[in-house]
C-alpha atoms as a PDB file:
ATOM      1  CA  UNK A   1     -35.960  20.746 -26.865  1.00  0.00           C
ATOM      2  CA  UNK A   2     -33.957  22.663 -24.250  1.00  0.00           C
ATOM      3  CA  UNK A   3     -30.210  22.280 -24.150  1.00  0.00           C
ATOM      4  CA  UNK A   4     -28.562  21.843 -20.819  1.00  0.00           C
ATOM      5  CA  UNK A   5     -25.891  24.369 -19.870  1.00  0.00           C
ATOM      6  CA  UNK A   6     -22.305  23.133 -19.931  1.00  0.00           C
ATOM      7  CA  UNK A   7     -21.164  21.509 -16.703  1.00  0.00           C
ATOM      8  CA  UNK A   8     -19.908  24.020 -14.181  1.00  0.00           C
ATOM      9  CA  UNK A   9     -16.431  23.968 -12.789  1.00  0.00           C
ATOM     10  CA  UNK A  10     -16.183  22.163  -9.495  1.00  0.00           C
ATOM     11  CA  UNK A  11     -17.617  24.004  -6.558  1.00  0.00           C
ATOM     12  CA  UNK A  12     -16.813  23.900  -2.882  1.00  0.00           C
ATOM     13  CA  UNK A  13     -14.137  21.392  -2.040  1.00  0.00           C
ATOM     14  CA  UNK A  14     -14.222  19.879  -5.566  1.00  0.00           C
ATOM     15  CA  UNK A  15     -13.013  23.048  -7.292  1.00  0.00           C
ATOM     16  CA  UNK A  16      -9.402  22.467  -6.267  1.00  0.00           C
ATOM     17  CA  UNK A  17      -9.098  18.766  -7.138  1.00  0.00           C
ATOM     18  CA  UNK A  18      -6.307  18.017  -9.608  1.00  0.00           C
ATOM     19  CA  UNK A  19      -6.038  14.995 -11.908  1.00  0.00           C
ATOM     20  CA  UNK A  20      -2.978  13.461 -13.574  1.00  0.00           C
ATOM     21  CA  UNK A  21      -3.375  11.417 -16.750  1.00  0.00           C
ATOM     22  CA  UNK A  22      -0.411   9.553 -18.233  1.00  0.00           C
ATOM     23  CA  UNK A  23      -0.043   6.834 -20.830  1.00  0.00           C
ATOM     24  CA  UNK A  24       3.035   4.646 -21.040  1.00  0.00           C
ATOM     25  CA  UNK A  25       3.905   1.917 -23.555  1.00  0.00           C
ATOM     26  CA  UNK A  26       5.639  -1.322 -22.637  1.00  0.00           C
ATOM     27  CA  UNK A  27       7.361  -3.835 -24.868  1.00  0.00           C
ATOM     28  CA  UNK A  28       5.880  -6.719 -22.866  1.00  0.00           C
ATOM     29  CA  UNK A  29       2.479  -8.398 -22.787  1.00  0.00           C
ATOM     30  CA  UNK A  30      -0.125  -7.155 -20.344  1.00  0.00           C
ATOM     31  CA  UNK A  31       0.091 -10.285 -18.146  1.00  0.00           C
ATOM     32  CA  UNK A  32       3.771  -9.606 -17.334  1.00  0.00           C
ATOM     33  CA  UNK A  33       3.143  -5.954 -16.554  1.00  0.00           C
ATOM     34  CA  UNK A  34       0.030  -6.789 -14.518  1.00  0.00           C
ATOM     35  CA  UNK A  35       1.989  -9.327 -12.447  1.00  0.00           C
ATOM     36  CA  UNK A  36       4.081  -6.409 -11.139  1.00  0.00           C
ATOM     37  CA  UNK A  37       1.239  -3.891 -10.797  1.00  0.00           C
ATOM     38  CA  UNK A  38      -1.063  -6.387  -9.092  1.00  0.00           C
ATOM     39  CA  UNK A  39       1.430  -7.130  -6.300  1.00  0.00           C
ATOM     40  CA  UNK A  40       1.412  -4.417  -3.595  1.00  0.00           C
ATOM     41  CA  UNK A  41       4.818  -5.644  -2.393  1.00  0.00           C
ATOM     42  CA  UNK A  42       6.443  -4.641  -5.678  1.00  0.00           C
ATOM     43  CA  UNK A  43       5.301  -1.007  -5.586  1.00  0.00           C
ATOM     44  CA  UNK A  44       7.969   1.599  -4.740  1.00  0.00           C
ATOM     45  CA  UNK A  45       8.117   3.272  -1.322  1.00  0.00           C
ATOM     46  CA  UNK A  46       7.049   6.640  -2.751  1.00  0.00           C
ATOM     47  CA  UNK A  47       3.857   5.034  -4.125  1.00  0.00           C
ATOM     48  CA  UNK A  48       2.537   2.900  -1.240  1.00  0.00           C
ATOM     49  CA  UNK A  49      -0.856   1.612  -2.308  1.00  0.00           C
ATOM     50  CA  UNK A  50      -3.807  -0.434  -1.219  1.00  0.00           C
ATOM     51  CA  UNK A  51      -5.434  -2.297  -4.097  1.00  0.00           C
ATOM     52  CA  UNK A  52      -9.158  -1.571  -4.224  1.00  0.00           C
ATOM     53  CA  UNK A  53     -10.147  -3.416  -7.393  1.00  0.00           C
ATOM     54  CA  UNK A  54      -8.364  -5.816  -9.696  1.00  0.00           C
ATOM     55  CA  UNK A  55      -9.387  -7.088 -13.127  1.00  0.00           C
ATOM     56  CA  UNK A  56      -6.600  -9.430 -14.227  1.00  0.00           C
ATOM     57  CA  UNK A  57      -4.499  -8.190 -17.114  1.00  0.00           C
ATOM     58  CA  UNK A  58      -6.732  -5.171 -17.775  1.00  0.00           C
ATOM     59  CA  UNK A  59      -7.441  -2.848 -14.834  1.00  0.00           C
ATOM     60  CA  UNK A  60      -6.315  -1.927 -11.365  1.00  0.00           C
ATOM     61  CA  UNK A  61      -7.698   0.707  -8.991  1.00  0.00           C
ATOM     62  CA  UNK A  62      -5.536   1.688  -6.030  1.00  0.00           C
ATOM     63  CA  UNK A  63      -5.785   4.058  -3.062  1.00  0.00           C
ATOM     64  CA  UNK A  64      -2.814   5.991  -1.762  1.00  0.00           C
ATOM     65  CA  UNK A  65      -2.256   7.135   1.844  1.00  0.00           C
ATOM     66  CA  UNK A  66      -3.050  10.783   1.026  1.00  0.00           C
ATOM     67  CA  UNK A  67      -6.602   9.730   0.038  1.00  0.00           C
ATOM     68  CA  UNK A  68      -5.914  10.011  -3.687  1.00  0.00           C
ATOM     69  CA  UNK A  69      -6.927   7.262  -6.077  1.00  0.00           C
ATOM     70  CA  UNK A  70      -5.389   5.915  -9.275  1.00  0.00           C
ATOM     71  CA  UNK A  71      -6.937   3.795 -12.008  1.00  0.00           C
ATOM     72  CA  UNK A  72      -4.560   1.915 -14.285  1.00  0.00           C
ATOM     73  CA  UNK A  73      -6.081   0.523 -17.475  1.00  0.00           C
ATOM     74  CA  UNK A  74      -3.869  -1.942 -19.349  1.00  0.00           C
ATOM     75  CA  UNK A  75      -4.518  -2.290 -23.061  1.00  0.00           C
ATOM     76  CA  UNK A  76      -2.785  -4.775 -25.379  1.00  0.00           C
ATOM     77  CA  UNK A  77      -0.892  -3.319 -28.339  1.00  0.00           C
ATOM     78  CA  UNK A  78       0.950  -5.020 -31.224  1.00  0.00           C
ATOM     79  CA  UNK A  79       4.265  -4.207 -29.486  1.00  0.00           C
ATOM     80  CA  UNK A  80       3.159  -5.273 -25.979  1.00  0.00           C
ATOM     81  CA  UNK A  81       0.785  -3.139 -23.932  1.00  0.00           C
ATOM     82  CA  UNK A  82      -0.029   0.385 -22.875  1.00  0.00           C
ATOM     83  CA  UNK A  83      -1.042   1.666 -19.456  1.00  0.00           C
ATOM     84  CA  UNK A  84      -3.393   4.599 -19.237  1.00  0.00           C
ATOM     85  CA  UNK A  85      -3.226   6.029 -15.730  1.00  0.00           C
ATOM     86  CA  UNK A  86      -5.818   8.375 -14.278  1.00  0.00           C
ATOM     87  CA  UNK A  87      -4.809   9.610 -10.824  1.00  0.00           C
ATOM     88  CA  UNK A  88      -7.418  11.846  -9.201  1.00  0.00           C
ATOM     89  CA  UNK A  89      -8.343  13.550  -5.949  1.00  0.00           C
ATOM     90  CA  UNK A  90      -4.897  15.215  -5.876  1.00  0.00           C
ATOM     91  CA  UNK A  91      -4.919  18.308  -3.720  1.00  0.00           C
ATOM     92  CA  UNK A  92      -2.503  20.670  -5.522  1.00  0.00           C
ATOM     93  CA  UNK A  93      -0.638  21.271  -8.752  1.00  0.00           C
ATOM     94  CA  UNK A  94       2.655  20.726  -6.894  1.00  0.00           C
ATOM     95  CA  UNK A  95       1.457  17.319  -5.677  1.00  0.00           C
ATOM     96  CA  UNK A  96       0.373  16.469  -9.229  1.00  0.00           C
ATOM     97  CA  UNK A  97       3.836  17.380 -10.531  1.00  0.00           C
ATOM     98  CA  UNK A  98       5.489  15.099  -7.948  1.00  0.00           C
ATOM     99  CA  UNK A  99       3.095  12.253  -8.719  1.00  0.00           C
ATOM    100  CA  UNK A 100       3.764  12.639 -12.453  1.00  0.00           C
ATOM    101  CA  UNK A 101       7.508  12.281 -11.789  1.00  0.00           C
ATOM    102  CA  UNK A 102       6.982   9.265  -9.505  1.00  0.00           C
ATOM    103  CA  UNK A 103       4.697   7.473 -11.982  1.00  0.00           C
ATOM    104  CA  UNK A 104       7.038   8.065 -14.928  1.00  0.00           C
ATOM    105  CA  UNK A 105      10.044   6.877 -12.913  1.00  0.00           C
ATOM    106  CA  UNK A 106       8.253   3.716 -11.794  1.00  0.00           C
ATOM    107  CA  UNK A 107       6.903   2.923 -15.249  1.00  0.00           C
ATOM    108  CA  UNK A 108      10.464   3.272 -16.579  1.00  0.00           C
ATOM    109  CA  UNK A 109      11.673   0.829 -13.916  1.00  0.00           C
ATOM    110  CA  UNK A 110       8.937  -1.633 -14.878  1.00  0.00           C
ATOM    111  CA  UNK A 111       9.877  -1.299 -18.561  1.00  0.00           C
ATOM    112  CA  UNK A 112      13.490  -2.125 -17.666  1.00  0.00           C
ATOM    113  CA  UNK A 113      12.396  -5.175 -15.655  1.00  0.00           C
ATOM    114  CA  UNK A 114      10.055  -6.648 -18.262  1.00  0.00           C
ATOM    115  CA  UNK A 115      12.406  -6.061 -21.171  1.00  0.00           C
ATOM    116  CA  UNK A 116      15.232  -8.178 -19.720  1.00  0.00           C
END
């Protein structure tokens, strides 16, 4: 049996694509957190989104104006829930750094809202 070679690094335009992955824990049930995430009107100005796909209380896929895409998976935990975010199609490491800051700031705001 022949083994396949390991996957190559991206080529052409794909070689420069950057991905951000973040997980964040909330002390609230997934339904409360999803009620904020699933409402485009509640997203901050620095993260204007268009919701592409919605699975209530478990998953959300959004597109951003710069043609990047984010998938937010919501998983229940004994303390509440956890969001695992995968934001891809980012064009540079600097953009990824800014997105990481924006996501962490917004998740902190959501945590403050749901813990009241």
